[in-house]
Amino acid sequence: MGLGGFGMGEMVFIFLIVLLLFGAKRLPEIGSSLGKGIREFKSSVREIEHELKVPDRQIHNSTPPPELASEDEESEEGEPRSLGDSAAGVSDD
């Protein structure tokens, strides 16, 4: 019994083909780089899962900033201007 439906014979055959293609000197390099890539991928997946499960505490604990009224939204008297007045530059004189 092998891995993923591959028997021992198939796994040896695949290993021999890889050995012929890359050579004995390059196999440890390929294995270590493959292992590093898999570890980085797993750690990034764990980090993303952690961010999704744990809400950002800064957003929930902080008070929202005070809303400031801009000059376009209010006139000098403190009354809101209508959209047509502010767009056309018409005053209430």
PDB file of N, CA and C in Angstrom:
ATOM      1  N   MET A   1       0.828  -1.183   0.000  1.00  0.00           N
ATOM      2  CA  MET A   1       0.000   0.000   0.000  1.00  0.00           C
ATOM      3  C   MET A   1       0.868   1.240   0.000  1.00  0.00           C
ATOM      4  N   GLY A   2       0.590   2.167  -0.872  1.00  0.00           N
ATOM      5  CA  GLY A   2       1.369   3.392  -0.967  1.00  0.00           C
ATOM      6  C   GLY A   2       0.534   4.613  -0.634  1.00  0.00           C
ATOM      7  N   LEU A   3       0.982   5.707  -1.116  1.00  0.00           N
ATOM      8  CA  LEU A   3       0.297   6.972  -0.879  1.00  0.00           C
ATOM      9  C   LEU A   3      -0.561   7.342  -2.077  1.00  0.00           C
ATOM     10  N   GLY A   4      -1.792   7.721  -1.827  1.00  0.00           N
ATOM     11  CA  GLY A   4      -2.666   8.229  -2.878  1.00  0.00           C
ATOM     12  C   GLY A   4      -2.939   7.238  -4.000  1.00  0.00           C
ATOM     13  N   GLY A   5      -2.961   5.957  -3.703  1.00  0.00           N
ATOM     14  CA  GLY A   5      -3.242   4.978  -4.737  1.00  0.00           C
ATOM     15  C   GLY A   5      -2.003   4.486  -5.465  1.00  0.00           C
ATOM     16  N   PHE A   6      -0.815   5.023  -5.151  1.00  0.00           N
ATOM     17  CA  PHE A   6       0.419   4.555  -5.766  1.00  0.00           C
ATOM     18  C   PHE A   6       0.973   3.410  -4.936  1.00  0.00           C
ATOM     19  N   GLY A   7       1.361   2.336  -5.594  1.00  0.00           N
ATOM     20  CA  GLY A   7       1.998   1.221  -4.911  1.00  0.00           C
ATOM     21  C   GLY A   7       3.493   1.481  -4.779  1.00  0.00           C
ATOM     22  N   MET A   8       4.194   0.549  -4.139  1.00  0.00           N
ATOM     23  CA  MET A   8       5.630   0.717  -3.917  1.00  0.00           C
ATOM     24  C   MET A   8       6.394   0.711  -5.244  1.00  0.00           C
ATOM     25  N   GLY A   9       5.972  -0.092  -6.180  1.00  0.00           N
ATOM     26  CA  GLY A   9       6.642  -0.148  -7.483  1.00  0.00           C
ATOM     27  C   GLY A   9       6.543   1.169  -8.241  1.00  0.00           C
ATOM     28  N   GLU A  10       5.348   1.751  -8.242  1.00  0.00           N
ATOM     29  CA  GLU A  10       5.166   3.030  -8.931  1.00  0.00           C
ATOM     30  C   GLU A  10       5.978   4.147  -8.283  1.00  0.00           C
ATOM     31  N   MET A  11       6.048   4.136  -6.946  1.00  0.00           N
ATOM     32  CA  MET A  11       6.812   5.178  -6.255  1.00  0.00           C
ATOM     33  C   MET A  11       8.306   5.059  -6.549  1.00  0.00           C
ATOM     34  N   VAL A  12       8.842   3.856  -6.606  1.00  0.00           N
ATOM     35  CA  VAL A  12      10.258   3.652  -6.936  1.00  0.00           C
ATOM     36  C   VAL A  12      10.526   4.098  -8.366  1.00  0.00           C
ATOM     37  N   PHE A  13       9.615   3.768  -9.275  1.00  0.00           N
ATOM     38  CA  PHE A  13       9.769   4.172 -10.672  1.00  0.00           C
ATOM     39  C   PHE A  13       9.794   5.699 -10.804  1.00  0.00           C
ATOM     40  N   ILE A  14       8.892   6.392 -10.120  1.00  0.00           N
ATOM     41  CA  ILE A  14       8.849   7.861 -10.163  1.00  0.00           C
ATOM     42  C   ILE A  14      10.134   8.439  -9.576  1.00  0.00           C
ATOM     43  N   PHE A  15      10.616   7.871  -8.467  1.00  0.00           N
ATOM     44  CA  PHE A  15      11.856   8.347  -7.851  1.00  0.00           C
ATOM     45  C   PHE A  15      13.036   8.179  -8.814  1.00  0.00           C
ATOM     46  N   LEU A  16      13.106   7.049  -9.523  1.00  0.00           N
ATOM     47  CA  LEU A  16      14.204   6.833 -10.468  1.00  0.00           C
ATOM     48  C   LEU A  16      14.154   7.824 -11.628  1.00  0.00           C
ATOM     49  N   ILE A  17      12.961   8.127 -12.116  1.00  0.00           N
ATOM     50  CA  ILE A  17      12.818   9.103 -13.202  1.00  0.00           C
ATOM     51  C   ILE A  17      13.281  10.484 -12.730  1.00  0.00           C
ATOM     52  N   VAL A  18      12.872  10.879 -11.522  1.00  0.00           N
ATOM     53  CA  VAL A  18      13.280  12.169 -10.969  1.00  0.00           C
ATOM     54  C   VAL A  18      14.790  12.195 -10.760  1.00  0.00           C
ATOM     55  N   LEU A  19      15.366  11.099 -10.304  1.00  0.00           N
ATOM     56  CA  LEU A  19      16.806  11.003 -10.099  1.00  0.00           C
ATOM     57  C   LEU A  19      17.555  11.155 -11.415  1.00  0.00           C
ATOM     58  N   LEU A  20      17.043  10.562 -12.473  1.00  0.00           N
ATOM     59  CA  LEU A  20      17.682  10.690 -13.786  1.00  0.00           C
ATOM     60  C   LEU A  20      17.564  12.110 -14.341  1.00  0.00           C
ATOM     61  N   LEU A  21      16.425  12.748 -14.116  1.00  0.00           N
ATOM     62  CA  LEU A  21      16.208  14.090 -14.659  1.00  0.00           C
ATOM     63  C   LEU A  21      17.067  15.149 -13.955  1.00  0.00           C
ATOM     64  N   PHE A  22      17.121  15.095 -12.626  1.00  0.00           N
ATOM     65  CA  PHE A  22      17.757  16.165 -11.873  1.00  0.00           C
ATOM     66  C   PHE A  22      19.137  15.821 -11.349  1.00  0.00           C
ATOM     67  N   GLY A  23      19.448  14.573 -11.185  1.00  0.00           N
ATOM     68  CA  GLY A  23      20.740  14.173 -10.660  1.00  0.00           C
ATOM     69  C   GLY A  23      20.729  14.092  -9.151  1.00  0.00           C
ATOM     70  N   ALA A  24      21.706  13.342  -8.615  1.00  0.00           N
ATOM     71  CA  ALA A  24      21.758  13.097  -7.173  1.00  0.00           C
ATOM     72  C   ALA A  24      22.135  14.347  -6.393  1.00  0.00           C
ATOM     73  N   LYS A  25      22.893  15.268  -6.980  1.00  0.00           N
ATOM     74  CA  LYS A  25      23.317  16.474  -6.257  1.00  0.00           C
ATOM     75  C   LYS A  25      22.181  17.479  -6.072  1.00  0.00           C
ATOM     76  N   ARG A  26      21.285  17.513  -7.030  1.00  0.00           N
ATOM     77  CA  ARG A  26      20.208  18.508  -6.972  1.00  0.00           C
ATOM     78  C   ARG A  26      19.005  18.041  -6.166  1.00  0.00           C
ATOM     79  N   LEU A  27      18.842  16.771  -5.913  1.00  0.00           N
ATOM     80  CA  LEU A  27      17.669  16.264  -5.195  1.00  0.00           C
ATOM     81  C   LEU A  27      17.530  16.856  -3.793  1.00  0.00           C
ATOM     82  N   PRO A  28      18.590  16.950  -2.974  1.00  0.00           N
ATOM     83  CA  PRO A  28      18.417  17.569  -1.656  1.00  0.00           C
ATOM     84  C   PRO A  28      18.017  19.040  -1.738  1.00  0.00           C
ATOM     85  N   GLU A  29      18.559  19.756  -2.724  1.00  0.00           N
ATOM     86  CA  GLU A  29      18.181  21.165  -2.909  1.00  0.00           C
ATOM     87  C   GLU A  29      16.710  21.288  -3.277  1.00  0.00           C
ATOM     88  N   ILE A  30      16.267  20.441  -4.179  1.00  0.00           N
ATOM     89  CA  ILE A  30      14.871  20.472  -4.608  1.00  0.00           C
ATOM     90  C   ILE A  30      13.954  20.118  -3.441  1.00  0.00           C
ATOM     91  N   GLY A  31      14.337  19.112  -2.661  1.00  0.00           N
ATOM     92  CA  GLY A  31      13.529  18.707  -1.515  1.00  0.00           C
ATOM     93  C   GLY A  31      13.421  19.790  -0.459  1.00  0.00           C
ATOM     94  N   SER A  32      14.555  20.448  -0.159  1.00  0.00           N
ATOM     95  CA  SER A  32      14.512  21.505   0.862  1.00  0.00           C
ATOM     96  C   SER A  32      13.713  22.713   0.380  1.00  0.00           C
ATOM     97  N   SER A  33      13.862  23.090  -0.878  1.00  0.00           N
ATOM     98  CA  SER A  33      13.088  24.233  -1.376  1.00  0.00           C
ATOM     99  C   SER A  33      11.599  23.902  -1.446  1.00  0.00           C
ATOM    100  N   LEU A  34      11.282  22.660  -1.783  1.00  0.00           N
ATOM    101  CA  LEU A  34       9.882  22.242  -1.799  1.00  0.00           C
ATOM    102  C   LEU A  34       9.302  22.257  -0.390  1.00  0.00           C
ATOM    103  N   GLY A  35      10.072  21.795   0.584  1.00  0.00           N
ATOM    104  CA  GLY A  35       9.623  21.812   1.977  1.00  0.00           C
ATOM    105  C   GLY A  35       9.413  23.222   2.498  1.00  0.00           C
ATOM    106  N   LYS A  36      10.334  24.143   2.158  1.00  0.00           N
ATOM    107  CA  LYS A  36      10.187  25.542   2.576  1.00  0.00           C
ATOM    108  C   LYS A  36       8.943  26.163   1.966  1.00  0.00           C
ATOM    109  N   GLY A  37       8.689  25.864   0.715  1.00  0.00           N
ATOM    110  CA  GLY A  37       7.499  26.399   0.054  1.00  0.00           C
ATOM    111  C   GLY A  37       6.216  25.908   0.686  1.00  0.00           C
ATOM    112  N   ILE A  38       6.182  24.632   1.028  1.00  0.00           N
ATOM    113  CA  ILE A  38       4.995  24.066   1.675  1.00  0.00           C
ATOM    114  C   ILE A  38       4.792  24.680   3.053  1.00  0.00           C
ATOM    115  N   ARG A  39       5.884  24.862   3.817  1.00  0.00           N
ATOM    116  CA  ARG A  39       5.770  25.485   5.149  1.00  0.00           C
ATOM    117  C   ARG A  39       5.266  26.919   5.057  1.00  0.00           C
ATOM    118  N   GLU A  40       5.789  27.698   4.097  1.00  0.00           N
ATOM    119  CA  GLU A  40       5.324  29.080   3.922  1.00  0.00           C
ATOM    120  C   GLU A  40       3.845  29.109   3.562  1.00  0.00           C
ATOM    121  N   PHE A  41       3.433  28.196   2.680  1.00  0.00           N
ATOM    122  CA  PHE A  41       2.034  28.148   2.280  1.00  0.00           C
ATOM    123  C   PHE A  41       1.139  27.822   3.471  1.00  0.00           C
ATOM    124  N   LYS A  42       1.523  26.830   4.270  1.00  0.00           N
ATOM    125  CA  LYS A  42       0.722  26.456   5.438  1.00  0.00           C
ATOM    126  C   LYS A  42       0.651  27.588   6.452  1.00  0.00           C
ATOM    127  N   SER A  43       1.781  28.283   6.669  1.00  0.00           N
ATOM    128  CA  SER A  43       1.763  29.377   7.642  1.00  0.00           C
ATOM    129  C   SER A  43       0.898  30.535   7.155  1.00  0.00           C
ATOM    130  N   SER A  44       0.918  30.817   5.860  1.00  0.00           N
ATOM    131  CA  SER A  44       0.064  31.889   5.354  1.00  0.00           C
ATOM    132  C   SER A  44      -1.411  31.508   5.442  1.00  0.00           C
ATOM    133  N   VAL A  45      -1.731  30.244   5.211  1.00  0.00           N
ATOM    134  CA  VAL A  45      -3.120  29.792   5.340  1.00  0.00           C
ATOM    135  C   VAL A  45      -3.567  29.901   6.791  1.00  0.00           C
ATOM    136  N   ARG A  46      -2.693  29.505   7.740  1.00  0.00           N
ATOM    137  CA  ARG A  46      -3.038  29.626   9.159  1.00  0.00           C
ATOM    138  C   ARG A  46      -3.238  31.082   9.550  1.00  0.00           C
ATOM    139  N   GLU A  47      -2.385  31.956   9.036  1.00  0.00           N
ATOM    140  CA  GLU A  47      -2.498  33.385   9.355  1.00  0.00           C
ATOM    141  C   GLU A  47      -3.813  33.964   8.842  1.00  0.00           C
ATOM    142  N   ILE A  48      -4.193  33.597   7.642  1.00  0.00           N
ATOM    143  CA  ILE A  48      -5.452  34.087   7.070  1.00  0.00           C
ATOM    144  C   ILE A  48      -6.636  33.543   7.868  1.00  0.00           C
ATOM    145  N   GLU A  49      -6.597  32.266   8.234  1.00  0.00           N
ATOM    146  CA  GLU A  49      -7.677  31.699   9.040  1.00  0.00           C
ATOM    147  C   GLU A  49      -7.779  32.389  10.388  1.00  0.00           C
ATOM    148  N   HIS A  50      -6.628  32.707  10.987  1.00  0.00           N
ATOM    149  CA  HIS A  50      -6.620  33.398  12.282  1.00  0.00           C
ATOM    150  C   HIS A  50      -7.226  34.795  12.154  1.00  0.00           C
ATOM    151  N   GLU A  51      -6.900  35.500  11.074  1.00  0.00           N
ATOM    152  CA  GLU A  51      -7.460  36.841  10.864  1.00  0.00           C
ATOM    153  C   GLU A  51      -8.967  36.780  10.662  1.00  0.00           C
ATOM    154  N   LEU A  52      -9.458  35.733  10.023  1.00  0.00           N
ATOM    155  CA  LEU A  52     -10.895  35.618   9.792  1.00  0.00           C
ATOM    156  C   LEU A  52     -11.646  35.230  11.060  1.00  0.00           C
ATOM    157  N   LYS A  53     -11.027  34.401  11.911  1.00  0.00           N
ATOM    158  CA  LYS A  53     -11.698  33.952  13.130  1.00  0.00           C
ATOM    159  C   LYS A  53     -11.659  34.992  14.230  1.00  0.00           C
ATOM    160  N   VAL A  54     -10.553  35.718  14.382  1.00  0.00           N
ATOM    161  CA  VAL A  54     -10.398  36.698  15.450  1.00  0.00           C
ATOM    162  C   VAL A  54     -10.634  38.080  14.858  1.00  0.00           C
ATOM    163  N   PRO A  55     -11.709  38.773  15.265  1.00  0.00           N
ATOM    164  CA  PRO A  55     -11.960  40.113  14.720  1.00  0.00           C
ATOM    165  C   PRO A  55     -10.895  41.094  15.193  1.00  0.00           C
ATOM    166  N   ASP A  56     -10.720  42.124  14.420  1.00  0.00           N
ATOM    167  CA  ASP A  56      -9.729  43.143  14.749  1.00  0.00           C
ATOM    168  C   ASP A  56     -10.203  43.912  15.975  1.00  0.00           C
ATOM    169  N   ARG A  57      -9.490  43.804  17.066  1.00  0.00           N
ATOM    170  CA  ARG A  57      -9.914  44.417  18.328  1.00  0.00           C
ATOM    171  C   ARG A  57      -9.818  45.934  18.289  1.00  0.00           C
ATOM    172  N   GLN A  58      -8.943  46.481  17.472  1.00  0.00           N
ATOM    173  CA  GLN A  58      -8.805  47.934  17.418  1.00  0.00           C
ATOM    174  C   GLN A  58     -10.059  48.587  16.860  1.00  0.00           C
ATOM    175  N   ILE A  59     -10.689  47.964  15.905  1.00  0.00           N
ATOM    176  CA  ILE A  59     -11.892  48.542  15.302  1.00  0.00           C
ATOM    177  C   ILE A  59     -13.042  48.520  16.302  1.00  0.00           C
ATOM    178  N   HIS A  60     -13.205  47.435  17.044  1.00  0.00           N
ATOM    179  CA  HIS A  60     -14.339  47.300  17.947  1.00  0.00           C
ATOM    180  C   HIS A  60     -14.160  48.100  19.239  1.00  0.00           C
ATOM    181  N   ASN A  61     -12.958  48.303  19.716  1.00  0.00           N
ATOM    182  CA  ASN A  61     -12.728  48.970  20.991  1.00  0.00           C
ATOM    183  C   ASN A  61     -12.526  50.472  20.860  1.00  0.00           C
ATOM    184  N   SER A  62     -12.185  50.956  19.701  1.00  0.00           N
ATOM    185  CA  SER A  62     -11.927  52.380  19.555  1.00  0.00           C
ATOM    186  C   SER A  62     -13.238  53.138  19.348  1.00  0.00           C
ATOM    187  N   THR A  63     -13.246  54.381  19.760  1.00  0.00           N
ATOM    188  CA  THR A  63     -14.421  55.216  19.546  1.00  0.00           C
ATOM    189  C   THR A  63     -14.351  55.799  18.156  1.00  0.00           C
ATOM    190  N   PRO A  64     -15.472  55.943  17.512  1.00  0.00           N
ATOM    191  CA  PRO A  64     -15.448  56.494  16.156  1.00  0.00           C
ATOM    192  C   PRO A  64     -15.064  57.966  16.198  1.00  0.00           C
ATOM    193  N   PRO A  65     -14.402  58.455  15.173  1.00  0.00           N
ATOM    194  CA  PRO A  65     -14.017  59.869  15.147  1.00  0.00           C
ATOM    195  C   PRO A  65     -15.251  60.751  15.057  1.00  0.00           C
ATOM    196  N   PRO A  66     -15.210  61.941  15.661  1.00  0.00           N
ATOM    197  CA  PRO A  66     -16.377  62.837  15.579  1.00  0.00           C
ATOM    198  C   PRO A  66     -16.590  63.295  14.148  1.00  0.00           C
ATOM    199  N   GLU A  67     -17.843  63.362  13.784  1.00  0.00           N
ATOM    200  CA  GLU A  67     -18.158  63.786  12.427  1.00  0.00           C
ATOM    201  C   GLU A  67     -18.134  65.305  12.368  1.00  0.00           C
ATOM    202  N   LEU A  68     -17.389  65.819  11.444  1.00  0.00           N
ATOM    203  CA  LEU A  68     -17.276  67.263  11.270  1.00  0.00           C
ATOM    204  C   LEU A  68     -18.090  67.672  10.056  1.00  0.00           C
ATOM    205  N   ALA A  69     -18.844  68.724  10.194  1.00  0.00           N
ATOM    206  CA  ALA A  69     -19.642  69.226   9.083  1.00  0.00           C
ATOM    207  C   ALA A  69     -18.764  70.097   8.206  1.00  0.00           C
ATOM    208  N   SER A  70     -18.816  69.864   6.921  1.00  0.00           N
ATOM    209  CA  SER A  70     -18.030  70.694   6.010  1.00  0.00           C
ATOM    210  C   SER A  70     -18.840  71.920   5.619  1.00  0.00           C
ATOM    211  N   GLU A  71     -18.187  72.869   5.018  1.00  0.00           N
ATOM    212  CA  GLU A  71     -18.861  74.119   4.635  1.00  0.00           C
ATOM    213  C   GLU A  71     -19.884  73.879   3.541  1.00  0.00           C
ATOM    214  N   ASP A  72     -19.681  72.831   2.720  1.00  0.00           N
ATOM    215  CA  ASP A  72     -20.622  72.553   1.647  1.00  0.00           C
ATOM    216  C   ASP A  72     -21.949  72.033   2.180  1.00  0.00           C
ATOM    217  N   GLU A  73     -21.936  71.367   3.326  1.00  0.00           N
ATOM    218  CA  GLU A  73     -23.155  70.772   3.849  1.00  0.00           C
ATOM    219  C   GLU A  73     -23.998  71.763   4.631  1.00  0.00           C
ATOM    220  N   GLU A  74     -23.403  72.798   5.226  1.00  0.00           N
ATOM    221  CA  GLU A  74     -24.154  73.756   6.022  1.00  0.00           C
ATOM    222  C   GLU A  74     -23.861  75.180   5.545  1.00  0.00           C
ATOM    223  N   SER A  75     -24.852  76.013   5.665  1.00  0.00           N
ATOM    224  CA  SER A  75     -24.667  77.423   5.331  1.00  0.00           C
ATOM    225  C   SER A  75     -24.204  78.164   6.576  1.00  0.00           C
ATOM    226  N   GLU A  76     -24.036  79.482   6.447  1.00  0.00           N
ATOM    227  CA  GLU A  76     -23.566  80.282   7.571  1.00  0.00           C
ATOM    228  C   GLU A  76     -24.558  80.266   8.735  1.00  0.00           C
ATOM    229  N   GLU A  77     -25.852  80.134   8.454  1.00  0.00           N
ATOM    230  CA  GLU A  77     -26.862  80.139   9.497  1.00  0.00           C
ATOM    231  C   GLU A  77     -26.975  78.778  10.185  1.00  0.00           C
ATOM    232  N   GLY A  78     -26.267  77.767   9.703  1.00  0.00           N
ATOM    233  CA  GLY A  78     -26.349  76.455  10.294  1.00  0.00           C
ATOM    234  C   GLY A  78     -27.408  75.573   9.664  1.00  0.00           C
ATOM    235  N   GLU A  79     -28.062  76.062   8.603  1.00  0.00           N
ATOM    236  CA  GLU A  79     -29.079  75.273   7.935  1.00  0.00           C
ATOM    237  C   GLU A  79     -28.437  74.515   6.777  1.00  0.00           C
ATOM    238  N   PRO A  80     -28.835  73.293   6.584  1.00  0.00           N
ATOM    239  CA  PRO A  80     -28.265  72.536   5.462  1.00  0.00           C
ATOM    240  C   PRO A  80     -28.693  73.150   4.140  1.00  0.00           C
ATOM    241  N   ARG A  81     -27.762  73.190   3.218  1.00  0.00           N
ATOM    242  CA  ARG A  81     -28.082  73.670   1.879  1.00  0.00           C
ATOM    243  C   ARG A  81     -28.672  72.529   1.075  1.00  0.00           C
ATOM    244  N   SER A  82     -29.487  72.884   0.117  1.00  0.00           N
ATOM    245  CA  SER A  82     -30.009  71.847  -0.768  1.00  0.00           C
ATOM    246  C   SER A  82     -28.943  71.531  -1.799  1.00  0.00           C
ATOM    247  N   LEU A  83     -29.070  70.391  -2.432  1.00  0.00           N
ATOM    248  CA  LEU A  83     -28.078  69.955  -3.396  1.00  0.00           C
ATOM    249  C   LEU A  83     -28.019  70.907  -4.578  1.00  0.00           C
ATOM    250  N   GLY A  84     -29.148  71.400  -4.990  1.00  0.00           N
ATOM    251  CA  GLY A  84     -29.181  72.335  -6.127  1.00  0.00           C
ATOM    252  C   GLY A  84     -28.499  73.642  -5.794  1.00  0.00           C
ATOM    253  N   ASP A  85     -28.656  74.152  -4.565  1.00  0.00           N
ATOM    254  CA  ASP A  85     -28.038  75.413  -4.188  1.00  0.00           C
ATOM    255  C   ASP A  85     -26.521  75.316  -4.153  1.00  0.00           C
ATOM    256  N   SER A  86     -25.987  74.245  -3.617  1.00  0.00           N
ATOM    257  CA  SER A  86     -24.538  74.140  -3.494  1.00  0.00           C
ATOM    258  C   SER A  86     -23.901  73.870  -4.836  1.00  0.00           C
ATOM    259  N   ALA A  87     -24.597  73.179  -5.725  1.00  0.00           N
ATOM    260  CA  ALA A  87     -24.032  72.863  -7.026  1.00  0.00           C
ATOM    261  C   ALA A  87     -24.022  74.087  -7.922  1.00  0.00           C
ATOM    262  N   ALA A  88     -25.053  74.918  -7.840  1.00  0.00           N
ATOM    263  CA  ALA A  88     -25.151  76.070  -8.722  1.00  0.00           C
ATOM    264  C   ALA A  88     -24.520  77.309  -8.110  1.00  0.00           C
ATOM    265  N   GLY A  89     -24.135  77.258  -6.839  1.00  0.00           N
ATOM    266  CA  GLY A  89     -23.536  78.401  -6.181  1.00  0.00           C
ATOM    267  C   GLY A  89     -24.560  79.477  -5.827  1.00  0.00           C
ATOM    268  N   VAL A  90     -25.834  79.123  -5.724  1.00  0.00           N
ATOM    269  CA  VAL A  90     -26.902  80.052  -5.410  1.00  0.00           C
ATOM    270  C   VAL A  90     -27.012  80.202  -3.904  1.00  0.00           C
ATOM    271  N   SER A  91     -27.126  81.432  -3.423  1.00  0.00           N
ATOM    272  CA  SER A  91     -27.283  81.650  -1.987  1.00  0.00           C
ATOM    273  C   SER A  91     -28.737  81.975  -1.679  1.00  0.00           C
ATOM    274  N   ASP A  92     -29.082  82.032  -0.376  1.00  0.00           N
ATOM    275  CA  ASP A  92     -30.449  82.277   0.051  1.00  0.00           C
ATOM    276  C   ASP A  92     -30.715  83.765   0.314  1.00  0.00           C
ATOM    277  N   ASP A  93     -29.970  84.675  -0.241  1.00  0.00           N
ATOM    278  CA  ASP A  93     -30.132  86.114   0.015  1.00  0.00           C
ATOM    279  C   ASP A  93     -31.446  86.621  -0.416  1.00  0.00           C
TER     280      ASP A  93
END
